[in-house]
Amino acid sequence: MYLACALSLIIATSCGANSKKSTTVAENIQTVKAPDFDADSAYQYVNAQVAFGPRVLNTPQHVACGNYLAAKLEEFGAKVTNQYADLLRYDGVILKARNIIGSYKPENKKRVLLFAHWDTRPWADNDPNEQNHHTPILGANDGASGVGVLLEIARLLGQQQPELGVDIIFFDAEDYGAPQFYNGEHKEEYWCLGTQYWARNPHVQGYNARFGILLDMVGGKNATFYKEGYSEKYAKDVNDKVWKKANEMGYGRFFIDKEGSPVTDDHLFINRLAGIPSIDIIPTDEGSELSSFGSFWHTVNDTMDIIDRSTLKAVGQTVLEVIYNEK
């Protein structure tokens, strides 16, 4: 009886010591609680962009939406830089482009880059109905969703900033790759024109960031995000960090821990031209016969009907947790 009690006491004391040690270690590696991402707010920012109509360059709708985006960033406390440029479309048409940059803690050398494109495709060239191929798309998902998530992040940054400086860039003229009905040569560099321009002419001389995260088409219902191929090539550690955080937070049904196909997107030129390791959070729809990005991709059906707050929440909260825990 005495021996049993003594052993129980030793075990209890030992467990208590281990528990205390574990608590101390846990306290030392405790994560920072990021602000709560408001999916309703992000949804409204998506809807506000769509309300302007297609954001096709060289149109009044494009100018008006650009003014709205710059004003929101300024309202949310960012130092705003507008980068205007004349860019050549695949067929030689001059595009009046505008990259919109919002910087937080611009004096901090330790930085993170978050970006999305805000223009919309001028042709619904993937639409099943050939009569729609020359119709501009509304781009609720393809364009507005990534910008909407970043506007909500900007709002939260204005209230509580992380340790690092953050730059949010809305790139223009991303979706101007030659349409499917074009009979000439289709080149990779026809896409992401605003990003290529910024990568060669950054808003701050010698600009650098620890890493970059691109959000593209991040609002679709039942979206699944695989680790995009170029992201794995150029920034595998960033991919791993983001997907691990997403799964820790219970967003594993959105963030699938498998490698997907490489996609020519803004992050590719940030990696190649600017040398900033960057990833692309972009959906892969293995069940769609029309496109791996979903049946509504580059069609007239890319409307608010396909935007889901739960997808916006999963992406937005994950990105917040990553940047607020970056030291």
Protein backbone atom coordinates (compact mmCIF):
# COMPACT_ATOMS: atom_id res chain seq x y z
CA MET A 1 0.00 0.00 0.00
CA TYR A 2 2.76 2.43 0.96
CA LEU A 3 4.82 1.40 -2.05
CA ALA A 4 1.86 1.95 -4.37
CA CYS A 5 1.22 5.40 -2.88
CA ALA A 6 4.87 6.28 -3.11
CA LEU A 7 5.01 5.19 -6.73
CA SER A 8 1.84 7.17 -7.43
CA LEU A 9 3.43 10.24 -5.86
CA ILE A 10 6.61 9.82 -7.92
CA ILE A 11 4.59 9.38 -11.11
CA ALA A 12 2.39 12.36 -10.35
CA THR A 13 5.42 14.53 -9.55
CA SER A 14 7.18 13.34 -12.68
CA CYS A 15 4.12 14.04 -14.85
CA GLY A 16 3.76 17.44 -13.25
CA ALA A 17 7.37 18.29 -14.09
CA ASN A 18 6.96 17.14 -17.69
CA SER A 19 3.73 19.06 -17.98
CA LYS A 20 5.40 22.22 -16.76
CA LYS A 21 8.30 21.73 -19.16
CA SER A 22 5.91 21.12 -22.06
CA THR A 23 3.93 24.22 -21.17
CA THR A 24 7.12 26.31 -21.14
CA VAL A 25 8.15 25.00 -24.55
CA ALA A 26 4.66 25.58 -25.90
CA GLU A 27 4.69 29.13 -24.56
CA ASN A 28 7.99 29.77 -26.31
CA ILE A 29 6.61 28.70 -29.70
CA GLN A 30 3.10 30.06 -29.22
CA THR A 31 1.64 31.48 -32.41
CA VAL A 32 0.32 34.98 -32.75
CA LYS A 33 -3.45 35.33 -33.01
CA ALA A 34 -4.20 37.05 -36.28
CA PRO A 35 -7.29 39.25 -36.68
CA ASP A 36 -10.52 37.51 -37.67
CA PHE A 37 -11.12 37.65 -41.41
CA ASP A 38 -14.66 38.89 -42.14
CA ALA A 39 -15.97 36.92 -45.12
CA ASP A 40 -19.07 39.10 -45.39
CA SER A 41 -16.88 42.17 -45.74
CA ALA A 42 -14.71 40.49 -48.39
CA TYR A 43 -17.84 39.40 -50.26
CA GLN A 44 -19.04 43.00 -50.40
CA TYR A 45 -15.68 44.13 -51.80
CA VAL A 46 -16.02 41.50 -54.53
CA ASN A 47 -19.56 42.63 -55.28
CA ALA A 48 -18.51 46.30 -55.40
CA GLN A 49 -16.02 45.54 -58.16
CA VAL A 50 -18.49 43.50 -60.17
CA ALA A 51 -20.99 46.37 -59.89
CA PHE A 52 -18.70 48.47 -62.10
CA GLY A 53 -19.12 45.91 -64.87
CA PRO A 54 -16.21 44.28 -66.74
CA ARG A 55 -12.94 46.01 -65.76
CA VAL A 56 -11.57 46.02 -69.28
CA LEU A 57 -8.68 48.39 -69.93
CA ASN A 58 -9.35 51.58 -71.91
CA THR A 59 -12.94 51.80 -70.63
CA PRO A 60 -14.62 54.17 -68.13
CA GLN A 61 -15.55 51.17 -65.94
CA HIS A 62 -11.89 50.26 -65.60
CA VAL A 63 -10.95 53.81 -64.59
CA ALA A 64 -13.79 54.05 -62.07
CA CYS A 65 -12.96 50.74 -60.41
CA GLY A 66 -9.28 51.65 -60.22
CA ASN A 67 -10.18 54.86 -58.42
CA TYR A 68 -12.34 52.86 -56.01
CA LEU A 69 -9.55 50.40 -55.21
CA ALA A 70 -6.95 53.12 -54.63
CA ALA A 71 -9.37 55.04 -52.39
CA LYS A 72 -10.11 51.93 -50.29
CA LEU A 73 -6.42 51.24 -49.73
CA GLU A 74 -5.90 54.84 -48.69
CA GLU A 75 -8.94 54.65 -46.40
CA PHE A 76 -7.40 51.58 -44.77
CA GLY A 77 -4.19 53.43 -43.91
CA ALA A 78 -1.89 52.29 -46.70
CA LYS A 79 0.63 54.47 -48.47
CA VAL A 80 -0.79 54.29 -51.99
CA THR A 81 1.27 54.37 -55.17
CA ASN A 82 -0.35 54.38 -58.61
CA GLN A 83 1.87 53.04 -61.36
CA TYR A 84 0.61 54.00 -64.81
CA ALA A 85 2.00 52.45 -67.98
CA ASP A 86 1.18 52.05 -71.66
CA LEU A 87 1.43 48.34 -72.41
CA LEU A 88 1.14 46.50 -75.70
CA ARG A 89 -1.50 43.85 -76.12
CA TYR A 90 -0.70 40.70 -78.18
CA ASP A 91 -2.07 42.43 -81.30
CA GLY A 92 -0.33 45.77 -80.78
CA VAL A 93 -3.22 47.63 -79.14
CA ILE A 94 -1.99 50.08 -76.48
CA LEU A 95 -3.47 49.41 -73.04
CA LYS A 96 -3.67 52.20 -70.47
CA ALA A 97 -2.68 50.12 -67.45
CA ARG A 98 -2.62 50.98 -63.75
CA ASN A 99 -0.92 48.96 -61.01
CA ILE A 100 -2.25 49.98 -57.59
CA ILE A 101 0.08 49.51 -54.62
CA GLY A 102 -0.74 49.84 -50.93
CA SER A 103 2.19 49.73 -48.49
CA TYR A 104 2.12 49.23 -44.73
CA LYS A 105 5.20 50.13 -42.69
CA PRO A 106 7.02 51.23 -45.87
CA GLU A 107 10.15 51.99 -43.83
CA ASN A 108 10.50 48.35 -42.70
CA LYS A 109 13.05 46.42 -44.76
CA LYS A 110 11.48 43.10 -43.79
CA ARG A 111 8.50 42.78 -46.11
CA VAL A 112 5.87 40.42 -47.45
CA LEU A 113 4.18 40.88 -50.82
CA LEU A 114 0.50 40.03 -51.39
CA PHE A 115 -0.96 40.45 -54.86
CA ALA A 116 -3.86 39.80 -57.22
CA HIS A 117 -4.98 41.10 -60.61
CA TRP A 118 -7.91 43.49 -60.85
CA ASP A 119 -8.61 43.57 -64.59
CA THR A 120 -11.06 41.22 -66.28
CA ARG A 121 -10.80 39.23 -69.47
CA PRO A 122 -12.20 41.13 -72.48
CA TRP A 123 -13.31 37.90 -74.15
CA ALA A 124 -15.39 35.01 -72.81
CA ASP A 125 -13.38 32.76 -75.11
CA ASN A 126 -13.93 29.61 -73.06
CA ASP A 127 -17.71 29.93 -73.09
CA PRO A 128 -19.59 26.90 -74.49
CA ASN A 129 -21.61 29.33 -76.59
CA GLU A 130 -19.42 30.61 -79.39
CA GLN A 131 -21.60 33.71 -79.70
CA ASN A 132 -20.26 34.85 -76.31
CA HIS A 133 -16.58 34.57 -77.21
CA HIS A 134 -16.19 38.30 -77.85
CA THR A 135 -18.15 39.31 -74.72
CA PRO A 136 -16.16 40.70 -71.76
CA ILE A 137 -16.54 38.71 -68.55
CA LEU A 138 -17.67 40.11 -65.20
CA GLY A 139 -14.85 38.31 -63.44
CA ALA A 140 -16.39 37.88 -60.00
CA ASN A 141 -14.00 35.03 -59.30
CA ASP A 142 -11.31 35.70 -61.91
CA GLY A 143 -10.03 38.99 -60.62
CA ALA A 144 -12.50 40.38 -58.09
CA SER A 145 -12.26 37.56 -55.53
CA GLY A 146 -8.52 37.90 -54.96
CA VAL A 147 -8.80 41.67 -54.76
CA GLY A 148 -11.76 41.39 -52.39
CA VAL A 149 -9.80 39.17 -50.02
CA LEU A 150 -6.84 41.56 -50.11
CA LEU A 151 -9.08 44.58 -49.45
CA GLU A 152 -10.38 42.88 -46.32
CA ILE A 153 -6.81 42.08 -45.29
CA ALA A 154 -5.91 45.73 -45.92
CA ARG A 155 -8.79 46.85 -43.68
CA LEU A 156 -7.47 44.65 -40.88
CA LEU A 157 -3.87 45.78 -41.42
CA GLY A 158 -5.07 49.33 -40.91
CA GLN A 159 -6.31 48.33 -37.46
CA GLN A 160 -3.52 46.01 -36.33
CA GLN A 161 -0.26 45.63 -38.21
CA PRO A 162 2.05 42.59 -38.04
CA GLU A 163 5.77 42.85 -37.30
CA LEU A 164 6.75 42.92 -40.98
CA GLY A 165 5.92 45.49 -43.57
CA VAL A 166 3.30 44.41 -46.10
CA ASP A 167 2.77 45.49 -49.69
CA ILE A 168 -0.55 44.78 -51.39
CA ILE A 169 -0.47 45.12 -55.17
CA PHE A 170 -3.40 45.00 -57.55
CA PHE A 171 -1.81 44.20 -60.90
CA ASP A 172 -3.40 45.26 -64.15
CA ALA A 173 -3.60 43.68 -67.62
CA GLU A 174 -3.11 40.13 -66.37
CA ASP A 175 -5.89 38.57 -68.41
CA TYR A 176 -4.83 39.73 -71.87
CA GLY A 177 -3.27 36.56 -73.22
CA ALA A 178 -4.28 35.93 -76.84
CA PRO A 179 -7.84 34.57 -77.00
CA GLN A 180 -8.47 30.99 -78.03
CA PHE A 181 -9.98 32.15 -81.33
CA TYR A 182 -6.76 34.00 -82.27
CA ASN A 183 -5.00 32.23 -85.17
CA GLY A 184 -1.57 33.76 -84.58
CA GLU A 185 1.16 32.74 -82.16
CA HIS A 186 0.22 32.32 -78.50
CA LYS A 187 3.05 33.47 -76.24
CA GLU A 188 3.46 33.19 -72.49
CA GLU A 189 4.51 36.83 -72.21
CA TYR A 190 1.17 38.04 -73.58
CA TRP A 191 -0.20 37.37 -70.09
CA CYS A 192 0.45 39.32 -66.87
CA LEU A 193 1.52 42.54 -68.59
CA GLY A 194 1.18 44.76 -65.53
CA THR A 195 3.17 42.35 -63.41
CA GLN A 196 5.96 42.13 -65.94
CA TYR A 197 6.13 45.92 -66.03
CA TRP A 198 6.29 46.22 -62.22
CA ALA A 199 8.88 43.45 -61.92
CA ARG A 200 11.16 45.45 -64.23
CA ASN A 201 10.16 48.82 -62.74
CA PRO A 202 9.28 48.32 -59.05
CA HIS A 203 7.60 51.17 -57.19
CA VAL A 204 10.62 51.30 -54.83
CA GLN A 205 14.12 51.06 -56.27
CA GLY A 206 15.77 47.81 -55.22
CA TYR A 207 12.47 46.50 -53.81
CA ASN A 208 12.59 43.10 -52.18
CA ALA A 209 10.29 40.96 -50.07
CA ARG A 210 10.80 37.80 -48.06
CA PHE A 211 8.14 36.07 -50.15
CA GLY A 212 5.03 36.75 -52.19
CA ILE A 213 1.54 35.24 -52.24
CA LEU A 214 -0.73 35.56 -55.26
CA LEU A 215 -4.48 35.13 -54.87
CA ASP A 216 -6.23 34.22 -58.11
CA MET A 217 -9.80 32.92 -58.34
CA VAL A 218 -10.13 32.36 -54.59
CA GLY A 219 -13.90 32.70 -54.16
CA GLY A 220 -15.50 29.80 -56.04
CA LYS A 221 -17.90 27.36 -54.41
CA ASN A 222 -16.24 24.10 -53.31
CA ALA A 223 -12.85 25.34 -54.53
CA THR A 224 -9.83 23.10 -54.06
CA PHE A 225 -6.33 24.56 -54.05
CA TYR A 226 -3.45 22.27 -54.96
CA LYS A 227 0.21 23.31 -54.67
CA GLU A 228 0.67 24.94 -58.07
CA GLY A 229 3.65 23.67 -60.06
CA TYR A 230 5.72 26.86 -60.48
CA SER A 231 5.14 27.65 -56.80
CA GLU A 232 6.66 24.30 -55.92
CA LYS A 233 9.61 25.02 -58.20
CA TYR A 234 10.42 28.53 -57.00
CA ALA A 235 9.02 28.72 -53.46
CA LYS A 236 8.34 25.25 -52.07
CA ASP A 237 9.03 26.36 -48.49
CA VAL A 238 6.40 29.09 -48.80
CA ASN A 239 3.90 26.62 -50.23
CA ASP A 240 4.59 24.23 -47.36
CA LYS A 241 4.16 27.02 -44.80
CA VAL A 242 0.82 28.15 -46.21
CA TRP A 243 -0.67 24.68 -46.70
CA LYS A 244 0.46 23.58 -43.23
CA LYS A 245 -1.17 26.62 -41.65
CA ALA A 246 -4.38 26.06 -43.63
CA ASN A 247 -4.62 22.46 -42.50
CA GLU A 248 -3.85 23.36 -38.88
CA MET A 249 -6.81 25.73 -39.01
CA GLY A 250 -9.20 23.12 -40.38
CA TYR A 251 -9.21 24.24 -44.01
CA GLY A 252 -7.89 20.96 -45.38
CA ARG A 253 -10.89 20.47 -47.66
CA PHE A 254 -9.84 23.62 -49.51
CA PHE A 255 -6.04 23.30 -49.36
CA ILE A 256 -5.13 19.90 -50.80
CA ASP A 257 -1.59 18.82 -49.92
CA LYS A 258 -0.76 17.61 -53.43
CA GLU A 259 1.12 19.19 -56.31
CA GLY A 260 -0.92 20.61 -59.16
CA SER A 261 -0.02 21.67 -62.69
CA PRO A 262 2.11 24.76 -63.39
CA VAL A 263 0.10 27.86 -64.32
CA THR A 264 1.30 30.93 -66.21
CA ASP A 265 0.21 33.61 -63.76
CA ASP A 266 1.47 36.79 -62.09
CA HIS A 267 3.67 34.91 -59.62
CA LEU A 268 5.70 33.34 -62.44
CA PHE A 269 7.06 36.73 -63.50
CA ILE A 270 7.59 37.84 -59.91
CA ASN A 271 9.77 34.76 -59.47
CA ARG A 272 11.60 35.04 -62.79
CA LEU A 273 12.03 38.81 -63.14
CA ALA A 274 11.92 40.17 -59.58
CA GLY A 275 13.55 37.17 -57.89
CA ILE A 276 11.01 37.13 -55.06
CA PRO A 277 9.98 33.56 -54.13
CA SER A 278 6.24 33.61 -54.71
CA ILE A 279 3.35 31.16 -54.73
CA ASP A 280 -0.04 31.07 -56.39
CA ILE A 281 -3.18 30.14 -54.48
CA ILE A 282 -5.30 29.12 -57.47
CA PRO A 283 -8.01 26.45 -57.77
CA THR A 284 -7.80 23.12 -59.51
CA ASP A 285 -11.12 21.58 -60.53
CA GLU A 286 -10.46 18.00 -61.56
CA GLY A 287 -14.15 17.38 -62.19
CA SER A 288 -14.69 20.07 -64.82
CA GLU A 289 -14.69 19.12 -68.49
CA LEU A 290 -14.32 22.74 -69.65
CA SER A 291 -11.40 23.92 -67.53
CA SER A 292 -9.25 22.92 -64.58
CA PHE A 293 -10.22 26.31 -63.08
CA GLY A 294 -13.95 25.54 -63.08
CA SER A 295 -16.72 25.47 -65.68
CA PHE A 296 -17.29 29.23 -65.33
CA TRP A 297 -13.68 30.22 -66.08
CA HIS A 298 -13.46 32.77 -68.90
CA THR A 299 -17.20 32.50 -69.53
CA VAL A 300 -20.14 34.85 -69.05
CA ASN A 301 -21.05 32.75 -65.98
CA ASP A 302 -18.22 34.16 -63.83
CA THR A 303 -20.72 36.15 -61.74
CA MET A 304 -21.51 36.67 -58.06
CA ASP A 305 -23.62 33.50 -58.16
CA ILE A 306 -20.50 31.36 -57.92
CA ILE A 307 -18.83 33.29 -55.07
CA ASP A 308 -18.82 31.50 -51.70
CA ARG A 309 -18.04 33.23 -48.42
CA SER A 310 -16.59 30.04 -46.93
CA THR A 311 -13.93 29.92 -49.64
CA LEU A 312 -13.07 33.59 -49.14
CA LYS A 313 -12.80 32.92 -45.40
CA ALA A 314 -10.51 29.90 -45.77
CA VAL A 315 -8.08 31.77 -48.01
CA GLY A 316 -8.19 35.09 -46.19
CA GLN A 317 -7.78 33.67 -42.70
CA THR A 318 -4.93 31.42 -43.81
CA VAL A 319 -3.01 34.31 -45.37
CA LEU A 320 -3.56 36.44 -42.26
CA GLU A 321 -2.26 33.71 -39.97
CA VAL A 322 0.83 33.31 -42.14
CA ILE A 323 1.79 36.98 -42.28
CA TYR A 324 1.03 37.73 -38.63
CA ASN A 325 3.27 34.87 -37.53
CA GLU A 326 6.16 35.89 -39.77
CA LYS A 327 9.01 37.36 -37.69
